[in-house]
PDB file of N, CA and C in Angstrom:
ATOM      1  N   MET A   1       0.754  -1.405   0.110  1.00  0.00           N
ATOM      2  CA  MET A   1      -0.164   0.319   0.256  1.00  0.00           C
ATOM      3  C   MET A   1       0.862   0.815  -0.540  1.00  0.00           C
ATOM      4  N   VAL A   2       1.616   1.556   0.803  1.00  0.00           N
ATOM      5  CA  VAL A   2       2.564   1.694   1.336  1.00  0.00           C
ATOM      6  C   VAL A   2       3.533   2.349  -0.126  1.00  0.00           C
ATOM      7  N   ASN A   3       4.243   1.793  -0.847  1.00  0.00           N
ATOM      8  CA  ASN A   3       4.736   1.834  -2.170  1.00  0.00           C
ATOM      9  C   ASN A   3       3.857   2.391  -3.368  1.00  0.00           C
ATOM     10  N   THR A   4       2.773   1.819  -3.169  1.00  0.00           N
ATOM     11  CA  THR A   4       1.155   2.181  -4.510  1.00  0.00           C
ATOM     12  C   THR A   4       1.172   3.495  -4.464  1.00  0.00           C
ATOM     13  N   LEU A   5       1.211   4.182  -3.065  1.00  0.00           N
ATOM     14  CA  LEU A   5       0.759   5.823  -2.745  1.00  0.00           C
ATOM     15  C   LEU A   5       2.149   6.376  -2.824  1.00  0.00           C
ATOM     16  N   LEU A   6       3.605   6.011  -2.863  1.00  0.00           N
ATOM     17  CA  LEU A   6       4.601   6.514  -3.443  1.00  0.00           C
ATOM     18  C   LEU A   6       4.576   6.615  -4.469  1.00  0.00           C
ATOM     19  N   ALA A   7       4.282   5.643  -5.109  1.00  0.00           N
ATOM     20  CA  ALA A   7       4.878   4.943  -6.522  1.00  0.00           C
ATOM     21  C   ALA A   7       3.663   6.733  -7.674  1.00  0.00           C
ATOM     22  N   SER A   8       2.388   6.634  -6.510  1.00  0.00           N
ATOM     23  CA  SER A   8       1.617   7.748  -7.437  1.00  0.00           C
ATOM     24  C   SER A   8       1.481   8.906  -7.043  1.00  0.00           C
ATOM     25  N   GLY A   9       2.906   9.301  -6.532  1.00  0.00           N
ATOM     26  CA  GLY A   9       3.659  10.136  -6.489  1.00  0.00           C
ATOM     27  C   GLY A   9       2.790  10.870  -5.115  1.00  0.00           C
ATOM     28  N   ALA A  10       2.644  10.783  -3.647  1.00  0.00           N
ATOM     29  CA  ALA A  10       2.530  11.036  -2.230  1.00  0.00           C
ATOM     30  C   ALA A  10       3.960  11.057  -2.262  1.00  0.00           C
ATOM     31  N   ASN A  11       3.371  12.620  -1.496  1.00  0.00           N
ATOM     32  CA  ASN A  11       4.999  13.182  -0.584  1.00  0.00           C
ATOM     33  C   ASN A  11       5.233  12.273   0.489  1.00  0.00           C
ATOM     34  N   PRO A  12       6.754  12.207   0.316  1.00  0.00           N
ATOM     35  CA  PRO A  12       7.622  10.568   1.116  1.00  0.00           C
ATOM     36  C   PRO A  12       8.166  11.555   2.772  1.00  0.00           C
ATOM     37  N   ASN A  13       7.580  13.373   2.371  1.00  0.00           N
ATOM     38  CA  ASN A  13       8.040  14.101   3.289  1.00  0.00           C
ATOM     39  C   ASN A  13       7.151  14.892   4.347  1.00  0.00           C
ATOM     40  N   THR A  14       5.518  14.714   4.000  1.00  0.00           N
ATOM     41  CA  THR A  14       4.301  14.566   4.825  1.00  0.00           C
ATOM     42  C   THR A  14       4.284  14.035   6.528  1.00  0.00           C
ATOM     43  N   LYS A  15       3.515  15.581   6.749  1.00  0.00           N
ATOM     44  CA  LYS A  15       3.971  15.578   8.207  1.00  0.00           C
ATOM     45  C   LYS A  15       2.106  15.546   8.611  1.00  0.00           C
ATOM     46  N   ASP A  16       2.079  15.217   9.687  1.00  0.00           N
ATOM     47  CA  ASP A  16       0.310  15.221  10.960  1.00  0.00           C
ATOM     48  C   ASP A  16       0.822  16.124  11.330  1.00  0.00           C
ATOM     49  N   GLU A  17      -0.267  16.689  11.686  1.00  0.00           N
ATOM     50  CA  GLU A  17      -1.012  17.105  12.386  1.00  0.00           C
ATOM     51  C   GLU A  17       0.196  18.224  13.441  1.00  0.00           C
ATOM     52  N   GLU A  18       1.003  16.611  14.561  1.00  0.00           N
ATOM     53  CA  GLU A  18       1.399  17.411  15.243  1.00  0.00           C
ATOM     54  C   GLU A  18       3.096  17.904  14.767  1.00  0.00           C
ATOM     55  N   GLY A  19       2.975  17.215  13.599  1.00  0.00           N
ATOM     56  CA  GLY A  19       4.018  17.969  12.911  1.00  0.00           C
ATOM     57  C   GLY A  19       5.600  16.753  12.566  1.00  0.00           C
ATOM     58  N   ARG A  20       4.537  15.883  12.856  1.00  0.00           N
ATOM     59  CA  ARG A  20       5.663  14.357  12.842  1.00  0.00           C
ATOM     60  C   ARG A  20       5.466  13.988  11.081  1.00  0.00           C
ATOM     61  N   SER A  21       6.915  14.048  11.140  1.00  0.00           N
ATOM     62  CA  SER A  21       6.717  12.913   9.627  1.00  0.00           C
ATOM     63  C   SER A  21       6.137  11.657   9.390  1.00  0.00           C
ATOM     64  N   ILE A  22       5.559  11.212   8.119  1.00  0.00           N
ATOM     65  CA  ILE A  22       5.558   9.859   8.150  1.00  0.00           C
ATOM     66  C   ILE A  22       6.662   8.843   8.439  1.00  0.00           C
ATOM     67  N   LEU A  23       8.070   9.416   8.059  1.00  0.00           N
ATOM     68  CA  LEU A  23       9.491   9.074   8.408  1.00  0.00           C
ATOM     69  C   LEU A  23      10.079   8.667   9.983  1.00  0.00           C
ATOM     70  N   TYR A  24       9.492   9.156  10.859  1.00  0.00           N
ATOM     71  CA  TYR A  24       9.511   9.703  12.180  1.00  0.00           C
ATOM     72  C   TYR A  24       8.270   8.409  12.434  1.00  0.00           C
ATOM     73  N   GLN A  25       7.036   9.005  11.940  1.00  0.00           N
ATOM     74  CA  GLN A  25       5.960   7.646  12.548  1.00  0.00           C
ATOM     75  C   GLN A  25       6.483   6.207  12.617  1.00  0.00           C
ATOM     76  N   ALA A  26       6.782   6.126  11.281  1.00  0.00           N
ATOM     77  CA  ALA A  26       7.491   4.523  10.996  1.00  0.00           C
ATOM     78  C   ALA A  26       8.554   3.985  12.060  1.00  0.00           C
ATOM     79  N   ILE A  27       9.372   4.764  12.073  1.00  0.00           N
ATOM     80  CA  ILE A  27      10.377   4.723  13.094  1.00  0.00           C
ATOM     81  C   ILE A  27       9.858   4.488  14.681  1.00  0.00           C
ATOM     82  N   LEU A  28       8.800   5.022  14.588  1.00  0.00           N
ATOM     83  CA  LEU A  28       9.262   5.438  16.308  1.00  0.00           C
ATOM     84  C   LEU A  28       8.170   4.081  16.463  1.00  0.00           C
ATOM     85  N   ARG A  29       7.335   3.228  15.249  1.00  0.00           N
ATOM     86  CA  ARG A  29       6.561   1.977  16.139  1.00  0.00           C
ATOM     87  C   ARG A  29       7.571   0.762  15.183  1.00  0.00           C
ATOM     88  N   GLU A  30       8.799   1.091  14.722  1.00  0.00           N
ATOM     89  CA  GLU A  30       9.762   0.168  13.981  1.00  0.00           C
ATOM     90  C   GLU A  30       8.834  -0.269  13.383  1.00  0.00           C
ATOM     91  N   LYS A  31       8.648   0.015  12.720  1.00  0.00           N
ATOM     92  CA  LYS A  31       7.859  -0.303  10.137  1.00  0.00           C
ATOM     93  C   LYS A  31       9.107  -0.042  10.029  1.00  0.00           C
ATOM     94  N   TYR A  32      10.095  -0.484   9.796  1.00  0.00           N
ATOM     95  CA  TYR A  32      11.556  -0.502   9.418  1.00  0.00           C
ATOM     96  C   TYR A  32      11.123  -0.777   7.655  1.00  0.00           C
ATOM     97  N   ASP A  33      10.517  -1.457   7.265  1.00  0.00           N
ATOM     98  CA  ASP A  33       9.725  -2.253   6.074  1.00  0.00           C
ATOM     99  C   ASP A  33       9.177  -0.350   5.215  1.00  0.00           C
ATOM    100  N   ILE A  34       8.338   0.215   5.792  1.00  0.00           N
ATOM    101  CA  ILE A  34       7.646   1.568   5.185  1.00  0.00           C
ATOM    102  C   ILE A  34       8.679   1.977   5.402  1.00  0.00           C
ATOM    103  N   ALA A  35       9.607   2.232   6.287  1.00  0.00           N
ATOM    104  CA  ALA A  35      10.394   2.875   6.458  1.00  0.00           C
ATOM    105  C   ALA A  35      11.665   3.116   5.211  1.00  0.00           C
ATOM    106  N   ASP A  36      12.124   2.214   4.808  1.00  0.00           N
ATOM    107  CA  ASP A  36      12.759   1.664   3.730  1.00  0.00           C
ATOM    108  C   ASP A  36      11.974   2.527   2.434  1.00  0.00           C
ATOM    109  N   ALA A  37      10.938   1.867   2.499  1.00  0.00           N
ATOM    110  CA  ALA A  37       9.994   2.461   1.284  1.00  0.00           C
ATOM    111  C   ALA A  37      10.015   4.172   0.691  1.00  0.00           C
ATOM    112  N   LEU A  38       9.946   4.491   2.157  1.00  0.00           N
ATOM    113  CA  LEU A  38       9.808   6.129   2.684  1.00  0.00           C
ATOM    114  C   LEU A  38      10.635   6.660   2.100  1.00  0.00           C
ATOM    115  N   LEU A  39      11.999   6.492   2.294  1.00  0.00           N
ATOM    116  CA  LEU A  39      13.531   6.629   1.790  1.00  0.00           C
ATOM    117  C   LEU A  39      13.681   6.360   0.786  1.00  0.00           C
ATOM    118  N   ALA A  40      13.291   5.539   0.127  1.00  0.00           N
ATOM    119  CA  ALA A  40      14.186   5.323  -1.249  1.00  0.00           C
ATOM    120  C   ALA A  40      13.153   6.046  -2.081  1.00  0.00           C
ATOM    121  N   HIS A  41      11.696   6.928  -1.953  1.00  0.00           N
ATOM    122  CA  HIS A  41      11.094   7.599  -2.565  1.00  0.00           C
ATOM    123  C   HIS A  41      11.657   8.853  -2.304  1.00  0.00           C
ATOM    124  N   GLY A  42      12.783   9.470  -1.120  1.00  0.00           N
ATOM    125  CA  GLY A  42      12.994  10.351  -1.328  1.00  0.00           C
ATOM    126  C   GLY A  42      12.590  11.291   0.589  1.00  0.00           C
ATOM    127  N   ALA A  43      12.578  10.610   0.867  1.00  0.00           N
ATOM    128  CA  ALA A  43      12.052  10.843   2.415  1.00  0.00           C
ATOM    129  C   ALA A  43      13.653  11.588   2.973  1.00  0.00           C
ATOM    130  N   ASP A  44      13.281  12.894   4.067  1.00  0.00           N
ATOM    131  CA  ASP A  44      14.277  13.754   4.116  1.00  0.00           C
ATOM    132  C   ASP A  44      14.160  12.617   5.624  1.00  0.00           C
ATOM    133  N   ILE A  45      15.521  11.618   5.875  1.00  0.00           N
ATOM    134  CA  ILE A  45      15.852  10.689   7.428  1.00  0.00           C
ATOM    135  C   ILE A  45      16.474  12.550   8.327  1.00  0.00           C
ATOM    136  N   ASN A  46      16.555  13.414   7.664  1.00  0.00           N
ATOM    137  CA  ASN A  46      17.127  14.874   8.677  1.00  0.00           C
ATOM    138  C   ASN A  46      16.217  15.354   9.333  1.00  0.00           C
ATOM    139  N   MET A  47      14.757  15.459   8.782  1.00  0.00           N
ATOM    140  CA  MET A  47      14.153  16.254   8.827  1.00  0.00           C
ATOM    141  C   MET A  47      13.395  16.416  10.537  1.00  0.00           C
ATOM    142  N   LEU A  48      13.347  18.104  10.785  1.00  0.00           N
ATOM    143  CA  LEU A  48      12.953  18.435  12.086  1.00  0.00           C
ATOM    144  C   LEU A  48      11.223  17.820  12.139  1.00  0.00           C
ATOM    145  N   SER A  49      11.241  17.228  13.215  1.00  0.00           N
ATOM    146  CA  SER A  49       9.444  16.333  13.277  1.00  0.00           C
ATOM    147  C   SER A  49       9.185  17.006  14.823  1.00  0.00           C
ATOM    148  N   GLY A  50       7.588  17.375  14.816  1.00  0.00           N
ATOM    149  CA  GLY A  50       6.984  17.374  15.887  1.00  0.00           C
ATOM    150  C   GLY A  50       6.806  19.706  16.114  1.00  0.00           C
ATOM    151  N   ASN A  51       5.921  19.660  16.127  1.00  0.00           N
ATOM    152  CA  ASN A  51       4.899  21.333  15.806  1.00  0.00           C
ATOM    153  C   ASN A  51       6.037  22.273  17.325  1.00  0.00           C
ATOM    154  N   GLU A  52       5.700  20.924  18.677  1.00  0.00           N
ATOM    155  CA  GLU A  52       6.245  22.357  20.355  1.00  0.00           C
ATOM    156  C   GLU A  52       7.455  21.916  20.070  1.00  0.00           C
ATOM    157  N   TYR A  53       8.609  20.602  20.021  1.00  0.00           N
ATOM    158  CA  TYR A  53       9.666  20.546  20.603  1.00  0.00           C
ATOM    159  C   TYR A  53      10.445  20.209  19.395  1.00  0.00           C
ATOM    160  N   PRO A  54      10.351  20.545  17.746  1.00  0.00           N
ATOM    161  CA  PRO A  54      10.730  19.562  16.894  1.00  0.00           C
ATOM    162  C   PRO A  54      12.553  19.211  16.945  1.00  0.00           C
ATOM    163  N   GLU A  55      12.398  17.746  16.922  1.00  0.00           N
ATOM    164  CA  GLU A  55      14.064  16.942  16.778  1.00  0.00           C
ATOM    165  C   GLU A  55      13.937  15.875  15.986  1.00  0.00           C
ATOM    166  N   THR A  56      14.822  15.739  15.274  1.00  0.00           N
ATOM    167  CA  THR A  56      14.768  14.224  14.429  1.00  0.00           C
ATOM    168  C   THR A  56      14.792  13.866  14.855  1.00  0.00           C
ATOM    169  N   VAL A  57      14.189  12.032  14.009  1.00  0.00           N
ATOM    170  CA  VAL A  57      13.781  10.626  14.498  1.00  0.00           C
ATOM    171  C   VAL A  57      15.388  10.387  14.854  1.00  0.00           C
ATOM    172  N   LEU A  58      15.971  10.887  14.573  1.00  0.00           N
ATOM    173  CA  LEU A  58      17.499  10.108  14.923  1.00  0.00           C
ATOM    174  C   LEU A  58      17.576  10.692  17.172  1.00  0.00           C
ATOM    175  N   HIS A  59      17.499  11.957  17.324  1.00  0.00           N
ATOM    176  CA  HIS A  59      17.509  12.904  18.559  1.00  0.00           C
ATOM    177  C   HIS A  59      16.201  11.569  19.385  1.00  0.00           C
ATOM    178  N   PHE A  60      14.660  10.985  18.759  1.00  0.00           N
ATOM    179  CA  PHE A  60      13.770  10.670  19.195  1.00  0.00           C
ATOM    180  C   PHE A  60      14.218   9.322  19.850  1.00  0.00           C
ATOM    181  N   CYS A  61      14.909   8.665  19.054  1.00  0.00           N
ATOM    182  CA  CYS A  61      15.414   7.284  19.621  1.00  0.00           C
ATOM    183  C   CYS A  61      16.868   7.162  20.310  1.00  0.00           C
ATOM    184  N   VAL A  62      17.656   8.882  20.276  1.00  0.00           N
ATOM    185  CA  VAL A  62      18.711   8.242  21.179  1.00  0.00           C
ATOM    186  C   VAL A  62      18.313   8.650  22.281  1.00  0.00           C
ATOM    187  N   MET A  63      16.922   9.483  22.700  1.00  0.00           N
ATOM    188  CA  MET A  63      16.468   9.766  24.033  1.00  0.00           C
ATOM    189  C   MET A  63      15.328   8.799  24.169  1.00  0.00           C
ATOM    190  N   LYS A  64      15.306   8.103  23.265  1.00  0.00           N
ATOM    191  CA  LYS A  64      13.713   6.593  24.076  1.00  0.00           C
ATOM    192  C   LYS A  64      15.229   4.936  24.203  1.00  0.00           C
ATOM    193  N   ASN A  65      16.927   5.480  24.162  1.00  0.00           N
ATOM    194  CA  ASN A  65      17.464   4.220  24.013  1.00  0.00           C
ATOM    195  C   ASN A  65      16.991   3.470  23.512  1.00  0.00           C
ATOM    196  N   ARG A  66      16.958   3.299  22.505  1.00  0.00           N
ATOM    197  CA  ARG A  66      16.203   2.922  21.265  1.00  0.00           C
ATOM    198  C   ARG A  66      17.269   2.610  20.309  1.00  0.00           C
ATOM    199  N   LEU A  67      18.629   1.120  20.579  1.00  0.00           N
ATOM    200  CA  LEU A  67      19.451   0.622  19.849  1.00  0.00           C
ATOM    201  C   LEU A  67      19.419   0.830  18.666  1.00  0.00           C
ATOM    202  N   GLU A  68      18.339  -0.133  18.248  1.00  0.00           N
ATOM    203  CA  GLU A  68      18.323  -0.582  16.904  1.00  0.00           C
ATOM    204  C   GLU A  68      17.648   0.042  15.786  1.00  0.00           C
ATOM    205  N   CYS A  69      17.093   1.499  16.961  1.00  0.00           N
ATOM    206  CA  CYS A  69      16.156   2.286  15.739  1.00  0.00           C
ATOM    207  C   CYS A  69      17.353   3.355  15.556  1.00  0.00           C
ATOM    208  N   ASP A  70      18.231   3.836  16.668  1.00  0.00           N
ATOM    209  CA  ASP A  70      19.266   4.692  15.975  1.00  0.00           C
ATOM    210  C   ASP A  70      20.678   3.740  15.158  1.00  0.00           C
ATOM    211  N   GLN A  71      20.824   2.422  15.131  1.00  0.00           N
ATOM    212  CA  GLN A  71      21.504   1.708  14.219  1.00  0.00           C
ATOM    213  C   GLN A  71      20.725   2.133  12.683  1.00  0.00           C
ATOM    214  N   TYR A  72      19.938   1.613  12.609  1.00  0.00           N
ATOM    215  CA  TYR A  72      19.400   1.828  11.709  1.00  0.00           C
ATOM    216  C   TYR A  72      19.127   3.326  10.575  1.00  0.00           C
ATOM    217  N   LEU A  73      18.928   3.958  11.618  1.00  0.00           N
ATOM    218  CA  LEU A  73      19.077   5.056  11.237  1.00  0.00           C
ATOM    219  C   LEU A  73      20.414   5.569  11.028  1.00  0.00           C
ATOM    220  N   ILE A  74      21.308   5.670  11.494  1.00  0.00           N
ATOM    221  CA  ILE A  74      22.892   5.508  11.112  1.00  0.00           C
ATOM    222  C   ILE A  74      23.240   4.785   9.560  1.00  0.00           C
ATOM    223  N   ALA A  75      22.812   3.775   9.637  1.00  0.00           N
ATOM    224  CA  ALA A  75      23.510   3.502   8.700  1.00  0.00           C
ATOM    225  C   ALA A  75      22.394   3.543   7.087  1.00  0.00           C
ATOM    226  N   HIS A  76      21.323   4.256   7.707  1.00  0.00           N
ATOM    227  CA  HIS A  76      20.321   5.337   6.187  1.00  0.00           C
ATOM    228  C   HIS A  76      21.401   6.665   6.367  1.00  0.00           C
ATOM    229  N   GLY A  77      22.535   6.809   7.048  1.00  0.00           N
ATOM    230  CA  GLY A  77      22.705   8.569   6.624  1.00  0.00           C
ATOM    231  C   GLY A  77      22.238   9.161   7.717  1.00  0.00           C
ATOM    232  N   ALA A  78      21.821   9.120   9.218  1.00  0.00           N
ATOM    233  CA  ALA A  78      21.405  10.079   9.184  1.00  0.00           C
ATOM    234  C   ALA A  78      22.435  11.035  10.246  1.00  0.00           C
ATOM    235  N   ASN A  79      22.122  12.487   9.978  1.00  0.00           N
ATOM    236  CA  ASN A  79      23.266  13.277  10.356  1.00  0.00           C
ATOM    237  C   ASN A  79      23.270  12.961  12.170  1.00  0.00           C
ATOM    238  N   LYS A  80      23.876  13.287  12.267  1.00  0.00           N
ATOM    239  CA  LYS A  80      24.322  12.613  14.059  1.00  0.00           C
ATOM    240  C   LYS A  80      24.740  13.962  14.465  1.00  0.00           C
ATOM    241  N   HIS A  81      25.254  15.319  13.809  1.00  0.00           N
ATOM    242  CA  HIS A  81      25.876  16.099  14.000  1.00  0.00           C
ATOM    243  C   HIS A  81      24.290  17.673  13.912  1.00  0.00           C
ATOM    244  N   LEU A  82      22.877  17.239  13.868  1.00  0.00           N
ATOM    245  CA  LEU A  82      22.343  18.259  13.529  1.00  0.00           C
ATOM    246  C   LEU A  82      21.641  18.415  15.289  1.00  0.00           C
ATOM    247  N   GLU A  83      21.288  20.097  15.117  1.00  0.00           N
ATOM    248  CA  GLU A  83      20.615  20.714  16.407  1.00  0.00           C
ATOM    249  C   GLU A  83      19.203  19.811  16.419  1.00  0.00           C
ATOM    250  N   ASP A  84      18.442  19.726  17.509  1.00  0.00           N
ATOM    251  CA  ASP A  84      17.230  20.010  18.048  1.00  0.00           C
ATOM    252  C   ASP A  84      17.083  21.666  18.013  1.00  0.00           C
ATOM    253  N   SER A  85      15.611  21.450  18.631  1.00  0.00           N
ATOM    254  CA  SER A  85      15.132  22.697  19.279  1.00  0.00           C
ATOM    255  C   SER A  85      15.610  23.455  19.937  1.00  0.00           C
ATOM    256  N   PHE A  86      16.512  23.196  19.862  1.00  0.00           N
ATOM    257  CA  PHE A  86      17.130  23.413  22.286  1.00  0.00           C
ATOM    258  C   PHE A  86      18.519  22.683  21.998  1.00  0.00           C
ATOM    259  N   GLY A  87      18.893  23.311  20.732  1.00  0.00           N
ATOM    260  CA  GLY A  87      20.442  23.651  20.262  1.00  0.00           C
ATOM    261  C   GLY A  87      21.392  22.592  20.700  1.00  0.00           C
ATOM    262  N   TYR A  88      20.956  21.369  20.757  1.00  0.00           N
ATOM    263  CA  TYR A  88      21.983  19.961  21.272  1.00  0.00           C
ATOM    264  C   TYR A  88      21.863  19.021  19.956  1.00  0.00           C
ATOM    265  N   THR A  89      22.867  18.628  20.167  1.00  0.00           N
ATOM    266  CA  THR A  89      23.056  17.592  19.026  1.00  0.00           C
ATOM    267  C   THR A  89      23.031  15.892  19.547  1.00  0.00           C
ATOM    268  N   VAL A  90      22.571  14.997  18.803  1.00  0.00           N
ATOM    269  CA  VAL A  90      22.657  13.942  20.043  1.00  0.00           C
ATOM    270  C   VAL A  90      23.902  12.950  20.766  1.00  0.00           C
ATOM    271  N   PHE A  91      24.674  13.766  20.337  1.00  0.00           N
ATOM    272  CA  PHE A  91      25.914  13.346  21.347  1.00  0.00           C
ATOM    273  C   PHE A  91      26.095  14.727  22.730  1.00  0.00           C
ATOM    274  N   ASP A  92      25.473  15.458  22.558  1.00  0.00           N
ATOM    275  CA  ASP A  92      24.666  16.737  23.574  1.00  0.00           C
ATOM    276  C   ASP A  92      23.718  16.116  24.042  1.00  0.00           C
ATOM    277  N   ARG A  93      22.936  15.160  23.883  1.00  0.00           N
ATOM    278  CA  ARG A  93      22.159  14.070  24.558  1.00  0.00           C
ATOM    279  C   ARG A  93      22.278  13.196  25.280  1.00  0.00           C
ATOM    280  N   VAL A  94      23.505  12.747  24.789  1.00  0.00           N
ATOM    281  CA  VAL A  94      23.841  11.880  25.672  1.00  0.00           C
ATOM    282  C   VAL A  94      24.831  11.763  26.648  1.00  0.00           C
ATOM    283  N   LYS A  95      25.488  12.860  26.848  1.00  0.00           N
ATOM    284  CA  LYS A  95      26.526  13.724  27.412  1.00  0.00           C
ATOM    285  C   LYS A  95      25.120  14.075  28.631  1.00  0.00           C
ATOM    286  N   THR A  96      24.132  14.459  28.519  1.00  0.00           N
ATOM    287  CA  THR A  96      23.592  15.330  28.814  1.00  0.00           C
ATOM    288  C   THR A  96      22.196  14.327  30.412  1.00  0.00           C
ATOM    289  N   HIS A  97      22.026  13.372  28.984  1.00  0.00           N
ATOM    290  CA  HIS A  97      20.693  12.357  29.523  1.00  0.00           C
ATOM    291  C   HIS A  97      21.695  11.266  30.143  1.00  0.00           C
ATOM    292  N   LYS A  98      21.943  10.920  31.838  1.00  0.00           N
ATOM    293  CA  LYS A  98      22.255   9.732  32.175  1.00  0.00           C
ATOM    294  C   LYS A  98      21.462   8.375  31.752  1.00  0.00           C
ATOM    295  N   HIS A  99      20.412   8.748  31.498  1.00  0.00           N
ATOM    296  CA  HIS A  99      19.388   7.288  31.239  1.00  0.00           C
ATOM    297  C   HIS A  99      19.835   7.204  29.966  1.00  0.00           C
ATOM    298  N   ILE A 100      20.074   7.700  29.251  1.00  0.00           N
ATOM    299  CA  ILE A 100      20.997   7.215  27.818  1.00  0.00           C
ATOM    300  C   ILE A 100      22.159   5.888  28.456  1.00  0.00           C
ATOM    301  N   SER A 101      21.683   4.662  27.276  1.00  0.00           N
ATOM    302  CA  SER A 101      23.254   3.889  28.395  1.00  0.00           C
ATOM    303  C   SER A 101      24.315   3.868  26.679  1.00  0.00           C
ATOM    304  N   LYS A 102      24.851   3.475  27.186  1.00  0.00           N
ATOM    305  CA  LYS A 102      27.036   3.330  26.942  1.00  0.00           C
ATOM    306  C   LYS A 102      26.589   3.137  25.023  1.00  0.00           C
ATOM    307  N   GLU A 103      25.855   1.932  25.179  1.00  0.00           N
ATOM    308  CA  GLU A 103      25.545   1.348  24.089  1.00  0.00           C
ATOM    309  C   GLU A 103      24.942   2.474  22.893  1.00  0.00           C
ATOM    310  N   ILE A 104      23.920   3.120  23.104  1.00  0.00           N
ATOM    311  CA  ILE A 104      23.572   4.427  22.238  1.00  0.00           C
ATOM    312  C   ILE A 104      24.872   5.130  21.920  1.00  0.00           C
ATOM    313  N   GLY A 105      25.740   5.524  23.152  1.00  0.00           N
ATOM    314  CA  GLY A 105      26.685   6.470  22.763  1.00  0.00           C
ATOM    315  C   GLY A 105      28.163   5.553  21.620  1.00  0.00           C
ATOM    316  N   GLU A 106      28.589   4.365  21.559  1.00  0.00           N
ATOM    317  CA  GLU A 106      28.528   3.839  21.053  1.00  0.00           C
ATOM    318  C   GLU A 106      28.662   3.382  19.600  1.00  0.00           C
ATOM    319  N   ALA A 107      27.254   3.652  19.517  1.00  0.00           N
ATOM    320  CA  ALA A 107      26.874   3.141  18.075  1.00  0.00           C
ATOM    321  C   ALA A 107      27.074   4.732  17.642  1.00  0.00           C
ATOM    322  N   LEU A 108      26.573   5.631  18.151  1.00  0.00           N
ATOM    323  CA  LEU A 108      26.965   6.805  17.383  1.00  0.00           C
ATOM    324  C   LEU A 108      28.261   7.167  16.952  1.00  0.00           C
ATOM    325  N   LYS A 109      29.359   6.412  17.766  1.00  0.00           N
ATOM    326  CA  LYS A 109      30.333   7.102  17.712  1.00  0.00           C
ATOM    327  C   LYS A 109      31.174   6.279  15.892  1.00  0.00           C
ATOM    328  N   LYS A 110      30.344   5.470  15.872  1.00  0.00           N
ATOM    329  CA  LYS A 110      30.505   4.866  14.486  1.00  0.00           C
ATOM    330  C   LYS A 110      30.698   5.307  13.143  1.00  0.00           C
TER     331      LYS A 110
END
């Protein structure tokens, strides 16, 4: 279904009413097959999402301590040096927030 919509010209960077991109939503739900389709059709992996406190999906995954998500995004070219709406990179978040595992920090260094 997603591939059909994208092949028909659907915008892979569409956002919902809360400002979250479709890619952000797919990653949030661990729907990597949908994320693959979105990326193949030009979805911006580095798009800031969210109306209130915009962040990249990589920022979200780091804060939620989701290693598989982080690895997926890094492997697909997510920029680790972008700043969120607070001016933090994902490296800043790792340093600032003690709940983030060492494995996340190591994955970001690769």
